[in-house]
C-alpha atoms as a PDB file:
ATOM      1  CA  MET A   1      23.188-123.912 156.481  1.00  0.00           C
ATOM      2  CA  ASN A   2      24.255-120.417 157.561  1.00  0.00           C
ATOM      3  CA  GLN A   3      24.192-117.360 155.300  1.00  0.00           C
ATOM      4  CA  GLN A   4      27.914-117.351 154.520  1.00  0.00           C
ATOM      5  CA  ASN A   5      27.800-121.012 153.510  1.00  0.00           C
ATOM      6  CA  ILE A   6      24.832-120.332 151.222  1.00  0.00           C
ATOM      7  CA  ILE A   7      26.640-117.430 149.584  1.00  0.00           C
ATOM      8  CA  GLN A   8      29.804-119.465 149.037  1.00  0.00           C
ATOM      9  CA  ARG A   9      27.858-122.434 147.714  1.00  0.00           C
ATOM     10  CA  THR A  10      25.997-120.114 145.341  1.00  0.00           C
ATOM     11  CA  ALA A  11      29.232-118.531 144.141  1.00  0.00           C
ATOM     12  CA  ASP A  12      30.711-121.972 143.442  1.00  0.00           C
ATOM     13  CA  TYR A  13      27.571-122.980 141.523  1.00  0.00           C
ATOM     14  CA  ILE A  14      27.511-119.809 139.418  1.00  0.00           C
ATOM     15  CA  ARG A  15      31.225-119.965 138.671  1.00  0.00           C
ATOM     16  CA  LYS A  16      30.736-123.450 137.249  1.00  0.00           C
ATOM     17  CA  GLU A  17      27.651-122.441 135.259  1.00  0.00           C
ATOM     18  CA  PHE A  18      29.288-119.404 133.621  1.00  0.00           C
ATOM     19  CA  SER A  19      32.910-120.530 133.291  1.00  0.00           C
ATOM     20  CA  ASP A  20      32.712-120.997 129.505  1.00  0.00           C
ATOM     21  CA  ASP A  21      30.703-117.883 128.607  1.00  0.00           C
ATOM     22  CA  SER A  22      32.103-115.728 125.786  1.00  0.00           C
ATOM     23  CA  SER A  23      29.351-113.098 125.609  1.00  0.00           C
ATOM     24  CA  GLY A  24      30.653-110.774 128.313  1.00  0.00           C
ATOM     25  CA  HIS A  25      28.309-112.349 130.873  1.00  0.00           C
ATOM     26  CA  ASP A  26      30.936-114.718 132.232  1.00  0.00           C
ATOM     27  CA  TRP A  27      31.817-115.579 135.816  1.00  0.00           C
ATOM     28  CA  TRP A  28      34.138-112.598 136.174  1.00  0.00           C
ATOM     29  CA  HIS A  29      31.351-110.213 135.188  1.00  0.00           C
ATOM     30  CA  ILE A  30      29.191-111.763 137.891  1.00  0.00           C
ATOM     31  CA  HIS A  31      32.083-111.665 140.359  1.00  0.00           C
ATOM     32  CA  ARG A  32      32.571-107.931 139.722  1.00  0.00           C
ATOM     33  CA  VAL A  33      28.855-107.258 140.135  1.00  0.00           C
ATOM     34  CA  TRP A  34      28.872-109.269 143.382  1.00  0.00           C
ATOM     35  CA  LYS A  35      31.841-107.418 144.872  1.00  0.00           C
ATOM     36  CA  ASN A  36      30.712-103.985 143.659  1.00  0.00           C
ATOM     37  CA  ALA A  37      27.167-104.550 144.908  1.00  0.00           C
ATOM     38  CA  LEU A  38      28.534-105.491 148.328  1.00  0.00           C
ATOM     39  CA  ALA A  39      30.702-102.351 148.372  1.00  0.00           C
ATOM     40  CA  ILE A  40      27.705-100.161 147.472  1.00  0.00           C
ATOM     41  CA  CYS A  41      25.614-102.013 150.071  1.00  0.00           C
ATOM     42  CA  GLU A  42      28.043-101.030 152.805  1.00  0.00           C
ATOM     43  CA  HIS A  43      27.527 -97.353 151.945  1.00  0.00           C
ATOM     44  CA  GLU A  44      23.753 -97.578 151.475  1.00  0.00           C
ATOM     45  CA  LYS A  45      23.008 -99.768 154.543  1.00  0.00           C
ATOM     46  CA  ALA A  46      20.950-102.492 152.829  1.00  0.00           C
ATOM     47  CA  ASP A  47      20.605-106.226 153.568  1.00  0.00           C
ATOM     48  CA  PRO A  48      23.908-107.789 152.426  1.00  0.00           C
ATOM     49  CA  PHE A  49      22.511-111.328 152.253  1.00  0.00           C
ATOM     50  CA  ILE A  50      19.808-110.378 149.745  1.00  0.00           C
ATOM     51  CA  VAL A  51      22.224-108.165 147.813  1.00  0.00           C
ATOM     52  CA  GLN A  52      24.846-110.892 147.467  1.00  0.00           C
ATOM     53  CA  LEU A  53      22.418-113.621 146.455  1.00  0.00           C
ATOM     54  CA  ALA A  54      20.748-111.393 143.879  1.00  0.00           C
ATOM     55  CA  ALA A  55      24.107-110.270 142.475  1.00  0.00           C
ATOM     56  CA  LEU A  56      25.349-113.831 142.140  1.00  0.00           C
ATOM     57  CA  LEU A  57      22.125-115.115 140.554  1.00  0.00           C
ATOM     58  CA  HIS A  58      21.197-112.077 138.456  1.00  0.00           C
ATOM     59  CA  ASP A  59      22.161-113.584 135.066  1.00  0.00           C
ATOM     60  CA  LEU A  60      20.988-117.133 135.674  1.00  0.00           C
ATOM     61  CA  ASP A  61      17.601-116.449 134.045  1.00  0.00           C
ATOM     62  CA  ASP A  62      18.701-113.618 131.723  1.00  0.00           C
ATOM     63  CA  TRP A  63      16.240-113.202 128.825  1.00  0.00           C
ATOM     64  CA  LYS A  64      19.152-113.028 126.380  1.00  0.00           C
ATOM     65  CA  PHE A  65      20.113-116.614 127.106  1.00  0.00           C
ATOM     66  CA  ASN A  66      16.869-118.521 127.594  1.00  0.00           C
ATOM     67  CA  GLU A  67      14.219-119.817 125.235  1.00  0.00           C
ATOM     68  CA  THR A  68      11.291-117.978 126.814  1.00  0.00           C
ATOM     69  CA  GLY A  69      12.766-114.528 126.195  1.00  0.00           C
ATOM     70  CA  ASP A  70      11.746-113.259 129.635  1.00  0.00           C
ATOM     71  CA  GLU A  71      13.359-113.170 133.057  1.00  0.00           C
ATOM     72  CA  THR A  72      11.044-115.320 135.123  1.00  0.00           C
ATOM     73  CA  PRO A  73      13.567-116.513 137.735  1.00  0.00           C
ATOM     74  CA  LEU A  74      12.801-120.215 137.542  1.00  0.00           C
ATOM     75  CA  ARG A  75      16.370-121.458 137.897  1.00  0.00           C
ATOM     76  CA  ALA A  76      17.239-118.918 140.589  1.00  0.00           C
ATOM     77  CA  ARG A  77      14.163-119.834 142.619  1.00  0.00           C
ATOM     78  CA  ALA A  78      14.950-123.537 142.327  1.00  0.00           C
ATOM     79  CA  TRP A  79      18.504-122.916 143.509  1.00  0.00           C
ATOM     80  CA  LEU A  80      17.412-120.856 146.498  1.00  0.00           C
ATOM     81  CA  GLU A  81      14.905-123.502 147.492  1.00  0.00           C
ATOM     82  CA  SER A  82      17.591-126.183 147.220  1.00  0.00           C
ATOM     83  CA  CYS A  83      19.641-124.139 149.712  1.00  0.00           C
ATOM     84  CA  SER A  84      16.636-123.842 152.059  1.00  0.00           C
ATOM     85  CA  VAL A  85      16.676-120.039 151.847  1.00  0.00           C
ATOM     86  CA  ASP A  86      13.696-118.600 153.721  1.00  0.00           C
ATOM     87  CA  ILE A  87      10.642-117.561 151.690  1.00  0.00           C
ATOM     88  CA  PRO A  88      10.878-113.749 152.236  1.00  0.00           C
ATOM     89  CA  THR A  89      14.522-113.715 151.108  1.00  0.00           C
ATOM     90  CA  THR A  90      13.758-115.951 148.134  1.00  0.00           C
ATOM     91  CA  GLU A  91      10.913-113.657 147.061  1.00  0.00           C
ATOM     92  CA  ALA A  92      13.067-110.558 147.477  1.00  0.00           C
ATOM     93  CA  VAL A  93      15.885-112.030 145.369  1.00  0.00           C
ATOM     94  CA  CYS A  94      13.521-113.246 142.647  1.00  0.00           C
ATOM     95  CA  GLU A  95      11.847-109.836 142.493  1.00  0.00           C
ATOM     96  CA  ILE A  96      15.251-108.224 141.921  1.00  0.00           C
ATOM     97  CA  ILE A  97      16.166-110.662 139.151  1.00  0.00           C
ATOM     98  CA  THR A  98      12.853-110.046 137.392  1.00  0.00           C
ATOM     99  CA  HIS A  99      13.412-106.291 137.151  1.00  0.00           C
ATOM    100  CA  ILE A 100      17.183-105.911 137.004  1.00  0.00           C
ATOM    101  CA  SER A 101      17.712-105.619 133.251  1.00  0.00           C
ATOM    102  CA  TYR A 102      17.623-102.522 131.120  1.00  0.00           C
ATOM    103  CA  LYS A 103      14.672-102.995 128.772  1.00  0.00           C
ATOM    104  CA  GLY A 104      14.805-100.006 126.450  1.00  0.00           C
ATOM    105  CA  ALA A 105      15.294 -96.228 126.570  1.00  0.00           C
ATOM    106  CA  GLY A 106      11.563 -95.570 126.957  1.00  0.00           C
ATOM    107  CA  VAL A 107      10.791 -98.370 129.425  1.00  0.00           C
ATOM    108  CA  GLU A 108      10.191 -97.564 133.091  1.00  0.00           C
ATOM    109  CA  ASN A 109      12.495 -99.051 135.695  1.00  0.00           C
ATOM    110  CA  LYS A 110      10.254-101.111 138.000  1.00  0.00           C
ATOM    111  CA  MET A 111      12.887-101.901 140.624  1.00  0.00           C
ATOM    112  CA  LYS A 112      11.604-100.883 144.063  1.00  0.00           C
ATOM    113  CA  SER A 113      13.711-102.329 146.886  1.00  0.00           C
ATOM    114  CA  LEU A 114      16.945-100.723 148.043  1.00  0.00           C
ATOM    115  CA  GLU A 115      18.703-104.072 147.636  1.00  0.00           C
ATOM    116  CA  GLY A 116      17.450-104.296 144.056  1.00  0.00           C
ATOM    117  CA  LEU A 117      18.536-100.764 143.227  1.00  0.00           C
ATOM    118  CA  ILE A 118      22.015-101.586 144.542  1.00  0.00           C
ATOM    119  CA  VAL A 119      22.416-104.768 142.495  1.00  0.00           C
ATOM    120  CA  GLN A 120      21.042-103.010 139.419  1.00  0.00           C
ATOM    121  CA  ASP A 121      23.600-100.235 139.907  1.00  0.00           C
ATOM    122  CA  ALA A 122      26.465-102.724 140.215  1.00  0.00           C
ATOM    123  CA  ASP A 123      25.326-104.499 137.058  1.00  0.00           C
ATOM    124  CA  ARG A 124      24.990-101.227 135.145  1.00  0.00           C
ATOM    125  CA  LEU A 125      28.390 -99.970 136.293  1.00  0.00           C
ATOM    126  CA  ASP A 126      29.917-103.105 134.771  1.00  0.00           C
ATOM    127  CA  ALA A 127      28.232-102.240 131.465  1.00  0.00           C
ATOM    128  CA  ILE A 128      30.038 -98.897 131.142  1.00  0.00           C
ATOM    129  CA  GLY A 129      33.604 -97.633 131.160  1.00  0.00           C
ATOM    130  CA  ALA A 130      36.574 -99.586 129.819  1.00  0.00           C
ATOM    131  CA  ILE A 131      35.143-102.924 130.902  1.00  0.00           C
ATOM    132  CA  GLY A 132      31.780-102.005 129.414  1.00  0.00           C
ATOM    133  CA  ILE A 133      33.418-101.272 126.061  1.00  0.00           C
ATOM    134  CA  GLY A 134      35.083-104.669 126.072  1.00  0.00           C
ATOM    135  CA  ARG A 135      31.872-106.421 127.071  1.00  0.00           C
ATOM    136  CA  ALA A 136      29.845-104.629 124.402  1.00  0.00           C
ATOM    137  CA  PHE A 137      32.088-105.910 121.626  1.00  0.00           C
ATOM    138  CA  ALA A 138      32.275-109.381 123.172  1.00  0.00           C
ATOM    139  CA  TYR A 139      28.475-109.568 123.106  1.00  0.00           C
ATOM    140  CA  GLY A 140      28.319-108.153 119.594  1.00  0.00           C
ATOM    141  CA  GLY A 141      30.692-110.856 118.379  1.00  0.00           C
ATOM    142  CA  TYR A 142      28.730-113.500 120.251  1.00  0.00           C
ATOM    143  CA  LYS A 143      25.558-112.365 118.432  1.00  0.00           C
ATOM    144  CA  ASN A 144      27.315-112.005 115.046  1.00  0.00           C
ATOM    145  CA  ARG A 145      26.555-108.293 114.901  1.00  0.00           C
ATOM    146  CA  MET A 146      28.387-105.708 112.843  1.00  0.00           C
ATOM    147  CA  MET A 147      30.804-103.498 114.722  1.00  0.00           C
ATOM    148  CA  TYR A 148      29.386-100.364 113.108  1.00  0.00           C
ATOM    149  CA  ASP A 149      26.984 -99.618 110.268  1.00  0.00           C
ATOM    150  CA  PRO A 150      26.794 -95.935 109.232  1.00  0.00           C
ATOM    151  CA  ASP A 151      23.569 -96.662 107.319  1.00  0.00           C
ATOM    152  CA  SER A 152      21.774 -97.942 110.428  1.00  0.00           C
ATOM    153  CA  PRO A 153      21.301 -95.172 113.030  1.00  0.00           C
ATOM    154  CA  PRO A 154      20.580 -95.891 116.729  1.00  0.00           C
ATOM    155  CA  GLN A 155      16.967 -96.315 117.859  1.00  0.00           C
ATOM    156  CA  MET A 156      15.476 -95.245 121.175  1.00  0.00           C
ATOM    157  CA  HIS A 157      13.320 -98.280 121.921  1.00  0.00           C
ATOM    158  CA  ALA A 158       9.923 -97.498 123.415  1.00  0.00           C
ATOM    159  CA  SER A 159       9.164-101.052 124.530  1.00  0.00           C
ATOM    160  CA  PHE A 160      10.952-104.136 125.777  1.00  0.00           C
ATOM    161  CA  GLU A 161       9.871-106.023 122.648  1.00  0.00           C
ATOM    162  CA  GLU A 162      11.555-103.438 120.416  1.00  0.00           C
ATOM    163  CA  TYR A 163      14.716-103.528 122.483  1.00  0.00           C
ATOM    164  CA  LYS A 164      14.785-107.313 122.740  1.00  0.00           C
ATOM    165  CA  ASN A 165      14.368-107.805 118.978  1.00  0.00           C
ATOM    166  CA  SER A 166      16.949-105.225 117.958  1.00  0.00           C
ATOM    167  CA  LYS A 167      19.886-106.537 115.938  1.00  0.00           C
ATOM    168  CA  SER A 168      21.704-103.260 115.417  1.00  0.00           C
ATOM    169  CA  ALA A 169      25.475-102.817 115.343  1.00  0.00           C
ATOM    170  CA  THR A 170      27.531-102.704 118.523  1.00  0.00           C
ATOM    171  CA  ILE A 171      28.311 -98.982 118.259  1.00  0.00           C
ATOM    172  CA  ASN A 172      24.562 -98.302 118.228  1.00  0.00           C
ATOM    173  CA  HIS A 173      24.317-100.068 121.581  1.00  0.00           C
ATOM    174  CA  PHE A 174      26.328 -97.270 123.163  1.00  0.00           C
ATOM    175  CA  TYR A 175      23.727 -94.706 122.111  1.00  0.00           C
ATOM    176  CA  GLU A 176      20.736 -96.966 122.745  1.00  0.00           C
ATOM    177  CA  LYS A 177      21.804 -97.986 126.249  1.00  0.00           C
ATOM    178  CA  LEU A 178      25.322 -97.508 127.574  1.00  0.00           C
ATOM    179  CA  LEU A 179      25.546 -93.717 127.348  1.00  0.00           C
ATOM    180  CA  LEU A 180      22.137 -93.460 129.014  1.00  0.00           C
ATOM    181  CA  LEU A 181      23.084 -95.467 132.099  1.00  0.00           C
ATOM    182  CA  LYS A 182      24.961 -92.715 133.948  1.00  0.00           C
ATOM    183  CA  ASP A 183      21.704 -90.833 134.449  1.00  0.00           C
ATOM    184  CA  ARG A 184      19.734 -93.982 135.275  1.00  0.00           C
ATOM    185  CA  LEU A 185      21.710 -95.123 138.280  1.00  0.00           C
ATOM    186  CA  ASN A 186      19.975 -95.173 141.622  1.00  0.00           C
ATOM    187  CA  THR A 187      22.394 -94.727 144.517  1.00  0.00           C
ATOM    188  CA  PRO A 188      24.735 -91.803 145.250  1.00  0.00           C
ATOM    189  CA  THR A 189      27.698 -94.179 145.428  1.00  0.00           C
ATOM    190  CA  ALA A 190      27.079 -95.607 141.965  1.00  0.00           C
ATOM    191  CA  LYS A 191      26.362 -92.197 140.448  1.00  0.00           C
ATOM    192  CA  ARG A 192      29.752 -90.926 141.585  1.00  0.00           C
ATOM    193  CA  ALA A 193      31.542 -94.001 140.241  1.00  0.00           C
ATOM    194  CA  ALA A 194      29.761 -93.670 136.903  1.00  0.00           C
ATOM    195  CA  GLU A 195      31.199 -90.253 136.064  1.00  0.00           C
ATOM    196  CA  GLY A 196      34.660 -91.501 135.135  1.00  0.00           C
ATOM    197  CA  ARG A 197      33.373 -94.593 133.375  1.00  0.00           C
ATOM    198  CA  HIS A 198      31.032 -92.498 131.254  1.00  0.00           C
ATOM    199  CA  ARG A 199      33.870 -90.199 130.172  1.00  0.00           C
ATOM    200  CA  VAL A 200      35.900 -93.196 129.014  1.00  0.00           C
ATOM    201  CA  MET A 201      33.082 -94.246 126.672  1.00  0.00           C
ATOM    202  CA  VAL A 202      32.599 -90.737 125.291  1.00  0.00           C
ATOM    203  CA  GLU A 203      36.325 -90.484 124.561  1.00  0.00           C
ATOM    204  CA  PHE A 204      36.359 -93.952 122.987  1.00  0.00           C
ATOM    205  CA  LEU A 205      33.455 -93.170 120.652  1.00  0.00           C
ATOM    206  CA  SER A 206      35.080 -89.904 119.592  1.00  0.00           C
ATOM    207  CA  ARG A 207      38.320 -91.734 118.795  1.00  0.00           C
ATOM    208  CA  PHE A 208      36.441 -94.565 117.053  1.00  0.00           C
ATOM    209  CA  MET A 209      34.737 -92.145 114.647  1.00  0.00           C
ATOM    210  CA  TYR A 210      38.009 -90.243 114.167  1.00  0.00           C
ATOM    211  CA  GLU A 211      39.706 -93.428 112.983  1.00  0.00           C
ATOM    212  CA  TRP A 212      36.631 -94.703 111.099  1.00  0.00           C
ATOM    213  CA  ASP A 213      36.707 -91.581 108.932  1.00  0.00           C
ATOM    214  CA  GLY A 214      40.487 -91.828 108.537  1.00  0.00           C
ATOM    215  CA  ARG A 215      40.984 -88.353 109.932  1.00  0.00           C
ATOM    216  CA  ASP A 216      44.207 -89.375 111.657  1.00  0.00           C
ATOM    217  CA  ILE A 217      45.674 -90.495 108.326  1.00  0.00           C
ATOM    218  CA  ILE A 218      44.490 -87.320 106.612  1.00  0.00           C
ATOM    219  CA  GLU A 219      46.119 -85.194 109.314  1.00  0.00           C
ATOM    220  CA  VAL A 220      49.383 -87.140 109.140  1.00  0.00           C
ATOM    221  CA  GLY A 221      49.394 -86.627 105.387  1.00  0.00           C
ATOM    222  CA  ARG A 222      48.912 -82.884 105.787  1.00  0.00           C
ATOM    223  CA  GLU A 223      51.732 -82.682 108.312  1.00  0.00           C
ATOM    224  CA  SER A 224      54.183 -84.478 105.998  1.00  0.00           C
ATOM    225  CA  SER A 225      53.300 -82.505 102.872  1.00  0.00           C
END
């Protein structure tokens, strides 16, 4: 089986696996990460086969959706082996999957390979901006979390365990992760793309608090009095 056939077969498999997801980690999230990772790859001159496989498989063993609570890429490895992907490529893809996720504000990023940094950037870009806002609230609803709780301030998690066990409101997630991502991207291409997406979130949060406090209604009342 040639590389293009493996990629297409993997895409078909992942689309089927994630077609019913309602957490913001659906097939179209993976599709965007795949296409954006490939676009970044073209600028950064990395191995497109590894990049595409890792992008397509990056959520298959996500700690948020498995019983073990870690990201040991058991399902991804089994899939790659079923496609007869060579051992070095399989190891490279599994290494990327293991380290791709954000694991807390104070936790070191252990991604090393250029291919991994590219896929991580594509995944993080999809977590910010207008799409990131939508995905954040989709995930919050999926986890039955409050939209906002003024009595529960954001926490800067020092360990993966703290981050993983957090049940804070969705707005907190912006301060605990999403607003931090712009400065934690790896490649020049992704860093440039992040600027506009970051501004969208800052503007959204400002407007959210403006409406939460009813300042728009107060100002309308002043204007009509």
